[in-house]
Protein backbone atom coordinates (compact mmCIF):
# COMPACT_ATOMS: atom_id res chain seq x y z
CA UNK A 1 -0.14 -0.31 0.14
CA UNK A 2 1.84 3.13 -1.08
CA UNK A 3 1.19 6.13 1.08
CA UNK A 4 0.22 9.60 0.21
CA UNK A 5 3.00 12.44 0.76
CA UNK A 6 3.36 15.91 1.32
CA UNK A 7 4.67 18.41 4.05
CA UNK A 8 6.95 15.93 5.05
CA UNK A 9 4.29 14.03 6.41
CA UNK A 10 2.54 10.29 5.11
CA UNK A 11 -0.86 9.45 4.99
CA UNK A 12 -2.47 6.25 3.89
CA UNK A 13 -4.42 6.39 1.00
CA UNK A 14 -7.71 5.23 2.46
CA UNK A 15 -9.21 6.28 5.49
CA UNK A 16 -12.48 5.81 7.67
CA UNK A 17 -14.40 9.11 6.98
CA UNK A 18 -17.53 9.40 9.82
CA UNK A 19 -19.66 12.07 8.27
CA UNK A 20 -23.73 11.80 9.84
CA UNK A 21 -22.51 8.40 11.66
CA UNK A 22 -23.10 8.62 15.06
CA UNK A 23 -23.29 7.10 18.38
CA UNK A 24 -22.64 3.75 19.25
CA UNK A 25 -22.55 3.31 15.45
CA UNK A 26 -20.23 5.17 15.01
CA UNK A 27 -18.61 3.85 17.87
CA UNK A 28 -18.45 -0.02 16.71
CA UNK A 29 -17.65 1.27 12.90
CA UNK A 30 -14.24 3.03 14.13
CA UNK A 31 -13.53 -0.12 15.90
CA UNK A 32 -14.03 -2.71 13.08
CA UNK A 33 -11.89 -0.33 10.90
CA UNK A 34 -9.31 -0.56 13.06
CA UNK A 35 -9.26 -3.77 13.51
CA UNK A 36 -9.63 -4.53 9.87
CA UNK A 37 -6.43 -2.30 8.78
CA UNK A 38 -7.55 1.08 8.64
CA UNK A 39 -5.35 3.65 10.28
CA UNK A 40 -6.73 6.76 9.32
CA UNK A 41 -9.88 8.34 11.18
CA UNK A 42 -11.87 11.57 9.83
CA UNK A 43 -14.40 13.58 11.55
CA UNK A 44 -14.76 16.94 12.75
CA UNK A 45 -16.13 19.17 14.96
CA UNK A 46 -19.23 19.89 13.32
CA UNK A 47 -20.27 16.29 13.09
CA UNK A 48 -21.26 15.86 16.11
CA UNK A 49 -19.32 12.43 16.80
CA UNK A 50 -16.04 12.72 18.12
CA UNK A 51 -16.86 11.53 21.39
CA UNK A 52 -17.97 8.56 19.80
CA UNK A 53 -14.55 8.26 17.46
CA UNK A 54 -12.62 8.52 20.64
CA UNK A 55 -14.50 5.25 21.72
CA UNK A 56 -13.85 3.61 19.25
CA UNK A 57 -10.53 4.44 19.32
CA UNK A 58 -10.12 2.86 22.93
CA UNK A 59 -12.23 0.27 21.83
CA UNK A 60 -9.70 -0.91 19.51
CA UNK A 61 -6.49 -2.67 20.37
CA UNK A 62 -4.41 0.14 18.49
CA UNK A 63 -1.45 2.46 19.57
CA UNK A 64 -2.97 5.98 19.54
CA UNK A 65 0.66 6.59 17.74
CA UNK A 66 -0.10 3.79 14.55
CA UNK A 67 -3.76 5.84 14.09
CA UNK A 68 -3.74 8.88 12.16
CA UNK A 69 -6.69 10.99 13.43
CA UNK A 70 -8.21 13.84 11.75
CA UNK A 71 -10.58 17.00 13.22
CA UNK A 72 -11.44 20.02 12.01
CA UNK A 73 -12.84 23.69 12.77
CA UNK A 74 -16.34 24.74 11.97
CA UNK A 75 -16.21 27.74 9.57
CA UNK A 76 -17.63 30.10 12.28
CA UNK A 77 -15.30 29.02 15.00
CA UNK A 78 -12.32 30.28 12.50
CA UNK A 79 -11.44 33.21 14.82
CA UNK A 80 -10.94 30.80 17.71
CA UNK A 81 -9.15 27.78 16.23
CA UNK A 82 -6.79 27.18 19.39
CA UNK A 83 -10.63 26.88 21.54
CA UNK A 84 -11.68 24.51 18.83
CA UNK A 85 -9.39 22.08 19.02
CA UNK A 86 -8.73 21.77 22.61
CA UNK A 87 -12.73 21.07 23.18
CA UNK A 88 -12.34 18.32 20.18
CA UNK A 89 -9.37 17.21 22.11
CA UNK A 90 -11.41 17.15 24.94
CA UNK A 91 -13.93 14.65 23.46
CA UNK A 92 -11.89 12.97 21.56
CA UNK A 93 -9.90 12.29 24.40
CA UNK A 94 -6.69 12.29 23.15
CA UNK A 95 -3.56 14.81 23.72
CA UNK A 96 -3.49 15.23 20.00
CA UNK A 97 -4.62 15.01 16.68
CA UNK A 98 -2.39 14.26 13.77
CA UNK A 99 -4.13 16.47 11.30
CA UNK A 100 -6.38 19.65 12.08
CA UNK A 101 -8.28 21.38 9.17
CA UNK A 102 -10.04 24.66 8.52
CA UNK A 103 -13.46 22.90 7.33
CA UNK A 104 -14.90 25.81 5.29
CA UNK A 105 -13.52 29.10 4.51
CA UNK A 106 -15.32 32.04 5.97
CA UNK A 107 -14.59 35.37 4.00
CA UNK A 108 -15.77 37.46 7.62
CA UNK A 109 -12.76 36.31 9.21
CA UNK A 110 -9.07 37.24 8.28
CA UNK A 111 -7.51 33.72 6.74
CA UNK A 112 -4.28 35.12 7.82
CA UNK A 113 -5.52 35.54 11.79
CA UNK A 114 -7.18 31.79 11.29
CA UNK A 115 -3.77 30.48 9.56
CA UNK A 116 -1.64 31.83 12.55
CA UNK A 117 -3.69 30.23 15.04
CA UNK A 118 -3.61 27.33 13.18
CA UNK A 119 -0.03 27.02 12.86
CA UNK A 120 -0.13 27.35 16.97
CA UNK A 121 -1.51 24.17 17.23
CA UNK A 122 0.91 22.42 15.24
CA UNK A 123 3.95 24.32 17.27
CA UNK A 124 2.07 23.62 20.93
CA UNK A 125 1.91 19.56 19.85
CA UNK A 126 -2.01 20.15 19.75
CA UNK A 127 -2.14 18.93 15.98
CA UNK A 128 1.14 17.26 14.44
CA UNK A 129 -0.35 18.75 10.89
CA UNK A 130 -2.51 21.56 10.17
CA UNK A 131 -4.60 21.65 6.47
CA UNK A 132 -7.50 23.18 4.82
CA UNK A 133 -10.57 21.66 3.27
CA UNK A 134 -13.28 23.15 0.76
CA UNK A 135 -10.65 25.37 -0.80
CA UNK A 136 -10.75 26.87 -4.74
CA UNK A 137 -7.52 27.36 -6.20
CA UNK A 138 -7.46 31.05 -5.87
CA UNK A 139 -7.98 30.29 -1.53
CA UNK A 140 -5.34 27.33 -1.42
CA UNK A 141 -3.07 30.00 -3.21
CA UNK A 142 -3.85 32.58 -0.19
CA UNK A 143 -3.45 29.96 2.34
CA UNK A 144 -0.03 28.59 1.44
CA UNK A 145 1.35 32.06 1.18
CA UNK A 146 -0.11 32.83 4.19
CA UNK A 147 0.33 30.48 6.44
CA UNK A 148 3.50 30.02 8.85
CA UNK A 149 3.29 26.96 8.81
CA UNK A 150 3.53 23.90 5.72
CA UNK A 151 -0.13 22.77 4.92
CA UNK A 152 -0.54 19.06 4.33
CA UNK A 153 -3.74 18.78 2.08
CA UNK A 154 -7.03 20.49 0.81
CA UNK A 155 -9.74 18.02 1.73
CA UNK A 156 -12.27 18.63 -1.40
CA UNK A 157 -15.21 16.41 -2.73
CA UNK A 158 -13.99 14.55 -5.42
CA UNK A 159 -15.30 11.35 -7.32
CA UNK A 160 -16.35 10.12 -10.95
CA UNK A 161 -18.98 12.27 -11.16
CA UNK A 162 -17.31 15.90 -10.32
CA UNK A 163 -14.30 16.55 -12.12
CA UNK A 164 -11.98 18.42 -9.88
CA UNK A 165 -8.54 17.99 -11.84
CA UNK A 166 -8.10 21.66 -12.08
CA UNK A 167 -8.02 21.83 -8.15
CA UNK A 168 -6.30 18.82 -7.63
CA UNK A 169 -3.53 19.98 -10.26
CA UNK A 170 -3.12 23.32 -8.46
CA UNK A 171 -2.85 21.87 -5.28
CA UNK A 172 -0.21 19.40 -6.22
CA UNK A 173 1.95 22.56 -7.73
CA UNK A 174 1.97 23.78 -4.37
CA UNK A 175 3.05 21.39 -2.34
CA UNK A 176 -0.36 20.07 -1.02
CA UNK A 177 -2.19 16.30 -0.82
CA UNK A 178 -5.49 16.04 -1.92
CA UNK A 179 -8.17 13.86 0.61
CA UNK A 180 -11.27 12.67 -1.30
CA UNK A 181 -14.50 13.24 0.50
CA UNK A 182 -18.04 11.73 -0.56
CA UNK A 183 -15.69 9.38 -3.06
CA UNK A 184 -18.80 7.54 -4.18
CA UNK A 185 -21.07 10.86 -4.40
CA UNK A 186 -22.96 10.31 -1.28
CA UNK A 187 -24.33 6.81 -2.95
CA UNK A 188 -25.70 8.02 -6.34
CA UNK A 189 -22.75 6.33 -8.35
CA UNK A 190 -23.79 2.96 -7.05
CA UNK A 191 -25.84 1.77 -9.69
CA UNK A 192 -23.87 3.65 -12.82
CA UNK A 193 -24.25 1.48 -15.53
CA UNK A 194 -20.29 2.27 -16.91
CA UNK A 195 -19.16 1.49 -13.07
CA UNK A 196 -20.89 -1.48 -12.93
CA UNK A 197 -19.19 -2.68 -16.23
CA UNK A 198 -16.09 -2.18 -14.95
CA UNK A 199 -17.09 -3.63 -11.54
CA UNK A 200 -17.90 -7.03 -13.14
CA UNK A 201 -15.19 -7.30 -15.39
CA UNK A 202 -12.63 -7.23 -12.33
CA UNK A 203 -15.23 -9.26 -9.78
CA UNK A 204 -15.48 -5.90 -7.62
CA UNK A 205 -18.44 -3.54 -6.39
CA UNK A 206 -19.45 -0.28 -8.28
CA UNK A 207 -17.92 1.53 -4.70
CA UNK A 208 -14.71 -0.39 -4.89
CA UNK A 209 -14.15 0.41 -8.32
CA UNK A 210 -14.85 4.39 -7.45
CA UNK A 211 -12.73 4.26 -4.75
CA UNK A 212 -9.99 2.37 -6.49
CA UNK A 213 -10.51 4.93 -9.52
CA UNK A 214 -9.21 7.46 -6.65
CA UNK A 215 -6.83 5.59 -5.26
CA UNK A 216 -5.15 5.35 -8.72
CA UNK A 217 -4.87 9.26 -9.34
CA UNK A 218 -3.18 9.34 -6.07
CA UNK A 219 -5.63 10.69 -3.60
CA UNK A 220 -6.57 9.81 -0.32
CA UNK A 221 -9.75 8.58 0.66
CA UNK A 222 -12.24 8.75 3.02
CA UNK A 223 -15.43 6.52 2.47
CA UNK A 224 -17.67 6.74 5.40
CA UNK A 225 -19.92 3.98 5.81
CA UNK A 226 -22.58 3.42 8.98
CA UNK A 227 -22.58 -0.66 8.40
CA UNK A 228 -19.59 -2.45 9.90
CA UNK A 229 -20.51 -5.37 7.23
CA UNK A 230 -19.27 -2.20 4.82
CA UNK A 231 -16.06 -1.67 6.41
CA UNK A 232 -14.03 -4.60 5.08
CA UNK A 233 -15.28 -3.80 1.52
CA UNK A 234 -14.41 -0.30 1.33
CA UNK A 235 -10.88 -1.31 2.51
CA UNK A 236 -10.07 -3.99 -0.47
CA UNK A 237 -8.54 -2.11 -2.73
CA UNK A 238 -5.35 -2.81 -2.93
CA UNK A 239 -5.48 -6.29 -4.87
CA UNK A 240 -6.71 -5.39 -7.91
CA UNK A 241 -5.60 -2.50 -10.75
CA UNK A 242 -8.12 -0.23 -12.86
CA UNK A 243 -6.71 -0.62 -16.89
CA UNK A 244 -5.74 2.44 -18.37
CA UNK A 245 -9.55 2.17 -20.37
CA UNK A 246 -10.72 1.92 -17.36
CA UNK A 247 -9.58 5.12 -15.97
CA UNK A 248 -10.59 7.30 -18.86
CA UNK A 249 -14.34 5.55 -18.81
CA UNK A 250 -14.18 6.79 -15.06
CA UNK A 251 -13.10 10.12 -16.13
CA UNK A 252 -15.67 10.51 -18.54
CA UNK A 253 -18.34 10.47 -16.13
CA UNK A 254 -18.70 13.87 -14.64
CA UNK A 255 -22.01 15.61 -15.17
CA UNK A 256 -22.96 19.53 -14.48
CA UNK A 257 -25.02 18.41 -11.34
CA UNK A 258 -22.39 15.92 -9.71
CA UNK A 259 -21.62 18.06 -6.89
CA UNK A 260 -22.98 17.14 -3.61
CA UNK A 261 -21.86 19.28 -0.73
CA UNK A 262 -22.93 22.68 -1.80
CA UNK A 263 -24.28 24.54 1.37
CA UNK A 264 -24.93 28.18 1.28
CA UNK A 265 -21.54 29.46 2.61
CA UNK A 266 -19.34 27.33 0.47
CA UNK A 267 -16.89 29.39 -2.03
CA UNK A 268 -17.53 30.30 -5.74
CA UNK A 269 -16.44 26.57 -6.94
CA UNK A 270 -13.39 26.62 -9.49
């Protein structure tokens, strides 16, 4: 399994997303993921499940130092990122996170101020790495120029229905890794006939093919599931390879309405 590297850090190409997974179901999925072999868990203050994620971490017989844990500060709290992270750490019951992200940009709060606070969390050891999420090309460039500490990644929505190649290329030019959230378009592509044909040829599911497509684009993927039974299936991506023609077909599926995450506070997308 090849790591995705940037800013001196190495991240496994697959992690467990926990958006909209709460309570005991979240704890059970996190514990199962770590049992299966995941070593990257993604959460956020806004998900309301950090305590459940922490419980799942404690339930698994895996050393904390072997787990890459990500959380995020919500866009309305970018003026108090240190306090937000301290609260997150309390809920997670851990002394640090491996990656702390700005969840969404907020034009009402100066980015330089936010990034200064983010840098302080890294320098104090509360966050091993810092980064951004849902940033456009222009905002990425601004963030990299302003940040007192290197940024590890931009976490963005990526899947076959959404063409993010320009943003991905720009991130790489800036030295950033890219983490793909909603990698199966919130379930929209599960029954796609083109993906189904590729999946049948490989003896795989459409979900596995969609995830493998992103892994072969050198992205980190963080599929989420509330079902323990799906955890191992989503992780089984590393014993098959998509052909160049498969990749071309998958890359041709982008559609104008492909974006799934587009709240009112989102930036003007590229």
